[in-house]
Protein backbone atom coordinates (compact mmCIF):
# COMPACT_ATOMS: atom_id res chain seq x y z
CA MET A 1 12.69 23.43 -19.17
CA ILE A 2 10.22 24.79 -16.60
CA LYS A 3 9.86 28.48 -17.26
CA ASN A 4 7.08 29.32 -14.81
CA THR A 5 6.66 28.45 -11.15
CA GLN A 6 2.89 27.98 -11.48
CA GLU A 7 2.65 24.82 -13.60
CA THR A 8 0.05 22.39 -12.39
CA ASP A 9 0.84 18.75 -11.73
CA ARG A 10 -1.14 17.85 -14.85
CA GLU A 11 0.92 20.24 -17.00
CA ILE A 12 4.18 18.78 -15.67
CA LEU A 13 2.99 15.21 -16.34
CA LEU A 14 1.91 16.20 -19.85
CA TRP A 15 5.34 17.78 -20.39
CA PHE A 16 6.96 14.47 -19.33
CA HIS A 17 4.69 12.58 -21.73
CA GLN A 18 5.48 14.87 -24.65
CA ARG A 19 9.22 14.74 -23.90
CA LEU A 20 9.15 10.94 -23.87
CA VAL A 21 7.38 10.88 -27.25
CA HIS A 22 9.16 13.70 -29.07
CA ARG A 23 12.63 13.75 -27.52
CA TYR A 24 13.17 10.08 -26.64
CA ASN A 25 11.00 8.60 -29.41
CA GLU A 26 8.90 6.49 -27.04
CA SER A 27 5.81 5.08 -28.71
CA HIS A 28 2.54 6.45 -27.39
CA LEU A 29 1.21 2.88 -27.82
CA TYR A 30 3.32 1.38 -25.00
CA ASP A 31 1.37 0.24 -21.95
CA TYR A 32 3.18 2.64 -19.63
CA MET A 33 2.36 5.56 -21.91
CA HIS A 34 -1.33 4.62 -21.76
CA ARG A 35 -0.98 4.46 -17.99
CA LEU A 36 0.70 7.87 -17.90
CA ARG A 37 -2.18 9.36 -19.88
CA TRP A 38 -4.69 7.85 -17.42
CA ILE A 39 -2.71 9.40 -14.55
CA ILE A 40 -2.72 12.76 -16.36
CA LEU A 41 -6.49 12.56 -16.82
CA ALA A 42 -7.01 11.55 -13.17
CA THR A 43 -4.92 14.44 -11.85
CA PRO A 44 -7.05 17.43 -10.82
CA ALA A 45 -6.64 20.24 -13.33
CA LYS A 46 -5.56 22.90 -10.82
CA GLN A 47 -3.51 20.72 -8.44
CA VAL A 48 -0.03 22.03 -7.65
CA SER A 49 1.94 19.76 -5.31
CA ARG A 50 5.06 21.88 -5.06
CA GLY A 51 6.00 22.75 -1.52
CA LYS A 52 3.29 20.90 0.39
CA GLY A 53 5.05 20.00 3.61
CA ILE A 54 8.48 20.14 2.02
CA ASP A 55 11.12 22.35 3.66
CA THR A 56 14.13 21.54 1.49
CA THR A 57 14.96 20.75 -2.10
CA CYS A 58 15.16 17.06 -2.94
CA ASN A 59 18.10 16.44 -5.24
CA ASP A 60 17.79 12.67 -5.59
CA VAL A 61 15.20 9.94 -5.14
CA LYS A 62 17.25 8.58 -2.25
CA GLU A 63 16.70 11.86 -0.34
CA LEU A 64 13.00 11.09 0.08
CA GLY A 65 13.72 9.70 3.54
CA ASN A 66 10.82 7.87 5.19
CA LEU A 67 9.10 7.25 1.87
CA MET A 68 12.07 5.12 0.85
CA LYS A 69 11.35 2.65 3.69
CA ASN A 70 8.06 1.48 2.17
CA LEU A 71 8.99 1.00 -1.47
CA SER A 72 7.50 -1.82 -3.51
CA GLU A 73 9.86 -4.18 -5.29
CA PHE A 74 8.95 -2.43 -8.55
CA GLU A 75 9.88 0.98 -7.14
CA LYS A 76 13.18 -0.41 -5.83
CA SER A 77 14.00 -1.82 -9.26
CA LEU A 78 13.30 1.56 -10.90
CA ILE A 79 15.69 3.32 -8.54
CA GLU A 80 18.39 0.72 -9.05
CA GLU A 81 18.12 1.10 -12.85
CA GLY A 82 18.62 4.86 -12.68
């Protein structure tokens, strides 16, 4: 999976995109895939979010603590599906 600790956020998002297309056979024409590509393009090329203000490893979405208090209904539905 991730072989290097220096991947940028953009590289990780691109990896997700490619995995969805090539491993899970998602069509690149789906609306959410277009949206993912827009997010990839909007992400600064050298941005690396790993470790910014995070002291511990997060093993599950539910471990995100305070962020979980302000979820949209859409975000809640995504977590419930998983």
